[in-house]
Amino acid sequence: MATSTPTNQNDDWLGEHGDKLPTTINVLTILTIIWNGLGFILAVWGYFGAQANYDRTVKAQDALANAPDWARRLAGPHPVETARAMLDNRISVLIIGLLACFLCLFGAVQMRKLKKTGFSIYVLGDVVGYVTGIFIGFDVFLTFTYLFFIVITLLFVILYATQLKYMK
């Protein structure tokens, strides 16, 4: 009994979605999926830990007054007020954080499918994430941590933008 193998073997077995995913998009979307998974966890953790964070910030206030200038800059101009605002608005901050993560995650999945609309959704998610400043004050964006996040956000937007040529 003889078996035959198909003579027309190609790598396009996925049909219309068989476009090869560029390496850069692959890496960026994997990193985005991981980062937003952590974002979901941190948003929920921030909600449930808001009171403890406020209490720690109040206790650290005296030590911060005697800290070096660089350490005070890391904490931001008004750390106690910011922690209090996050406690008072924890539901809004949670909803905004989850929405931002969902939009970025959904946008990344769309970009993995090489759809340009995914880029717009991803950028919208990035912007939505910074809306928390309305509730907790924009002073928080002057802290080292948020400045770091802003730089990473801009870097990913730029890197994704360079890959738009591969998307439909």
Protein backbone atom coordinates (compact mmCIF):
# COMPACT_ATOMS: atom_id res chain seq x y z
CA MET A 1 0.00 0.00 0.00
CA ALA A 2 1.56 3.24 -1.10
CA THR A 3 0.93 6.53 0.59
CA SER A 4 1.46 9.79 -1.11
CA THR A 5 2.51 13.07 0.29
CA PRO A 6 1.26 16.33 -1.10
CA THR A 7 3.59 17.71 -3.74
CA ASN A 8 2.63 21.31 -3.04
CA GLN A 9 3.93 21.84 0.45
CA ASN A 10 4.20 25.42 1.51
CA ASP A 11 4.19 27.36 4.72
CA ASP A 12 0.89 29.07 3.94
CA TRP A 13 -1.22 26.44 5.69
CA LEU A 14 -2.94 29.12 7.78
CA GLY A 15 -4.80 30.53 4.81
CA GLU A 16 -5.39 34.29 4.71
CA HIS A 17 -3.78 34.74 8.11
CA GLY A 18 -0.64 33.03 6.93
CA ASP A 19 1.29 36.31 6.58
CA LYS A 20 4.57 35.91 8.38
CA LEU A 21 4.58 37.94 11.56
CA PRO A 22 7.57 40.29 11.55
CA THR A 23 9.95 39.60 14.41
CA THR A 24 9.68 43.11 15.83
CA ILE A 25 5.88 42.95 15.99
CA ASN A 26 6.12 39.49 17.53
CA VAL A 27 8.49 40.66 20.27
CA LEU A 28 6.62 43.92 20.93
CA THR A 29 3.25 42.21 21.22
CA ILE A 30 4.60 39.50 23.52
CA LEU A 31 6.13 42.17 25.77
CA THR A 32 2.87 44.13 25.65
CA ILE A 33 0.84 41.07 26.61
CA ILE A 34 3.15 40.35 29.55
CA TRP A 35 3.22 44.01 30.64
CA ASN A 36 -0.56 44.36 30.52
CA GLY A 37 -1.04 41.10 32.39
CA LEU A 38 1.08 42.64 35.13
CA GLY A 39 -0.93 45.85 34.74
CA PHE A 40 -4.17 44.00 35.47
CA ILE A 41 -2.61 42.52 38.62
CA LEU A 42 -1.18 45.87 39.75
CA ALA A 43 -4.50 47.66 39.17
CA VAL A 44 -6.33 45.17 41.39
CA TRP A 45 -3.50 45.17 43.93
CA GLY A 46 -3.56 48.98 44.00
CA TYR A 47 -7.29 48.93 44.68
CA PHE A 48 -7.04 46.52 47.60
CA GLY A 49 -3.78 48.02 48.92
CA ALA A 50 -4.77 51.69 48.75
CA GLN A 51 -5.29 52.03 52.51
CA ALA A 52 -2.01 50.30 53.36
CA ASN A 53 -0.18 52.44 50.80
CA TYR A 54 -1.62 55.60 52.33
CA ASP A 55 -0.64 54.47 55.84
CA ARG A 56 2.93 53.67 54.70
CA THR A 57 3.23 57.03 52.96
CA VAL A 58 2.11 58.92 56.08
CA LYS A 59 4.59 56.97 58.24
CA ALA A 60 7.40 57.60 55.76
CA GLN A 61 6.72 61.36 55.65
CA ASP A 62 9.03 62.15 58.60
CA ALA A 63 11.86 60.05 57.18
CA LEU A 64 11.36 61.68 53.78
CA ALA A 65 11.77 65.15 55.28
CA ASN A 66 15.29 64.19 56.40
CA ALA A 67 16.11 62.28 53.20
CA PRO A 68 18.49 63.54 50.51
CA ASP A 69 17.08 65.75 47.81
CA TRP A 70 17.18 63.00 45.16
CA ALA A 71 15.06 60.72 47.37
CA ARG A 72 12.45 63.45 47.87
CA ARG A 73 12.27 63.92 44.09
CA LEU A 74 11.61 60.20 43.64
CA ALA A 75 8.59 60.48 45.94
CA GLY A 76 7.15 63.46 44.06
CA PRO A 77 6.13 66.88 45.33
CA HIS A 78 3.13 65.79 47.45
CA PRO A 79 3.34 62.07 48.25
CA VAL A 80 0.80 62.05 51.10
CA GLU A 81 -1.78 64.00 49.11
CA THR A 82 -1.27 61.71 46.12
CA ALA A 83 -1.67 58.58 48.27
CA ARG A 84 -4.81 60.07 49.84
CA ALA A 85 -6.26 60.87 46.40
CA MET A 86 -5.52 57.31 45.25
CA LEU A 87 -7.29 55.98 48.34
CA ASP A 88 -10.31 58.26 47.89
CA ASN A 89 -10.59 57.51 44.15
CA ARG A 90 -9.50 53.87 44.16
CA ILE A 91 -12.57 52.66 42.25
CA SER A 92 -12.03 55.19 39.46
CA VAL A 93 -8.30 54.42 39.35
CA LEU A 94 -9.08 50.68 39.19
CA ILE A 95 -11.58 51.09 36.34
CA ILE A 96 -9.25 53.35 34.36
CA GLY A 97 -6.31 51.00 34.92
CA LEU A 98 -8.25 47.93 33.83
CA LEU A 99 -9.69 49.74 30.80
CA ALA A 100 -6.23 50.96 29.75
CA CYS A 101 -4.77 47.46 30.09
CA PHE A 102 -7.66 45.92 28.17
CA LEU A 103 -7.35 48.42 25.30
CA CYS A 104 -3.58 47.95 25.04
CA LEU A 105 -3.95 44.19 25.19
CA PHE A 106 -6.70 44.15 22.58
CA GLY A 107 -4.66 46.49 20.35
CA ALA A 108 -1.62 44.23 20.65
CA VAL A 109 -3.68 41.16 19.70
CA GLN A 110 -5.01 43.03 16.66
CA MET A 111 -1.47 44.04 15.66
CA ARG A 112 -0.43 40.37 15.94
CA LYS A 113 -3.11 39.80 13.29
CA LEU A 114 -1.39 42.59 11.32
CA LYS A 115 -4.37 44.95 11.57
CA LYS A 116 -3.57 48.67 11.65
CA THR A 117 -6.61 49.41 13.81
CA GLY A 118 -4.78 47.63 16.61
CA PHE A 119 -2.24 50.45 16.71
CA SER A 120 -4.95 53.08 17.26
CA ILE A 121 -6.56 50.98 19.99
CA TYR A 122 -3.17 50.47 21.62
CA VAL A 123 -2.41 54.21 21.62
CA LEU A 124 -5.88 54.93 23.01
CA GLY A 125 -5.17 52.50 25.84
CA ASP A 126 -1.90 54.28 26.56
CA VAL A 127 -3.65 57.64 26.72
CA VAL A 128 -6.50 56.31 28.88
CA GLY A 129 -3.94 55.09 31.40
CA TYR A 130 -2.79 58.61 32.10
CA VAL A 131 -6.33 59.89 32.73
CA THR A 132 -5.83 58.87 36.36
CA GLY A 133 -4.13 62.23 36.77
CA ILE A 134 -7.59 63.81 36.79
CA PHE A 135 -8.42 61.88 39.96
CA ILE A 136 -5.10 61.74 41.79
CA GLY A 137 -3.45 64.91 40.54
CA PHE A 138 -0.88 65.38 37.86
CA ASP A 139 1.92 65.81 40.41
CA VAL A 140 2.31 62.04 40.38
CA PHE A 141 3.62 62.26 36.82
CA LEU A 142 6.66 64.11 38.14
CA THR A 143 7.87 61.08 40.07
CA PHE A 144 10.68 58.96 38.70
CA THR A 145 8.43 55.92 38.35
CA TYR A 146 5.85 57.68 36.20
CA LEU A 147 8.51 59.41 34.12
CA PHE A 148 10.00 55.96 33.48
CA PHE A 149 6.55 54.64 32.44
CA ILE A 150 6.02 57.61 30.11
CA VAL A 151 9.37 56.95 28.41
CA ILE A 152 8.54 53.24 27.99
CA THR A 153 5.09 54.14 26.63
CA LEU A 154 6.55 56.54 24.08
CA LEU A 155 9.20 54.00 23.09
CA PHE A 156 6.60 51.30 22.44
CA VAL A 157 4.36 53.69 20.48
CA ILE A 158 7.32 54.69 18.30
CA LEU A 159 8.42 51.08 17.80
CA TYR A 160 4.89 50.00 16.90
CA ALA A 161 4.57 52.97 14.54
CA THR A 162 7.66 51.81 12.66
CA GLN A 163 5.88 48.49 12.05
CA LEU A 164 2.71 49.95 10.53
CA LYS A 165 4.09 49.22 7.05
CA TYR A 166 3.49 45.50 7.69
CA MET A 167 -0.13 45.96 8.77
CA LYS A 168 -3.28 46.20 6.69
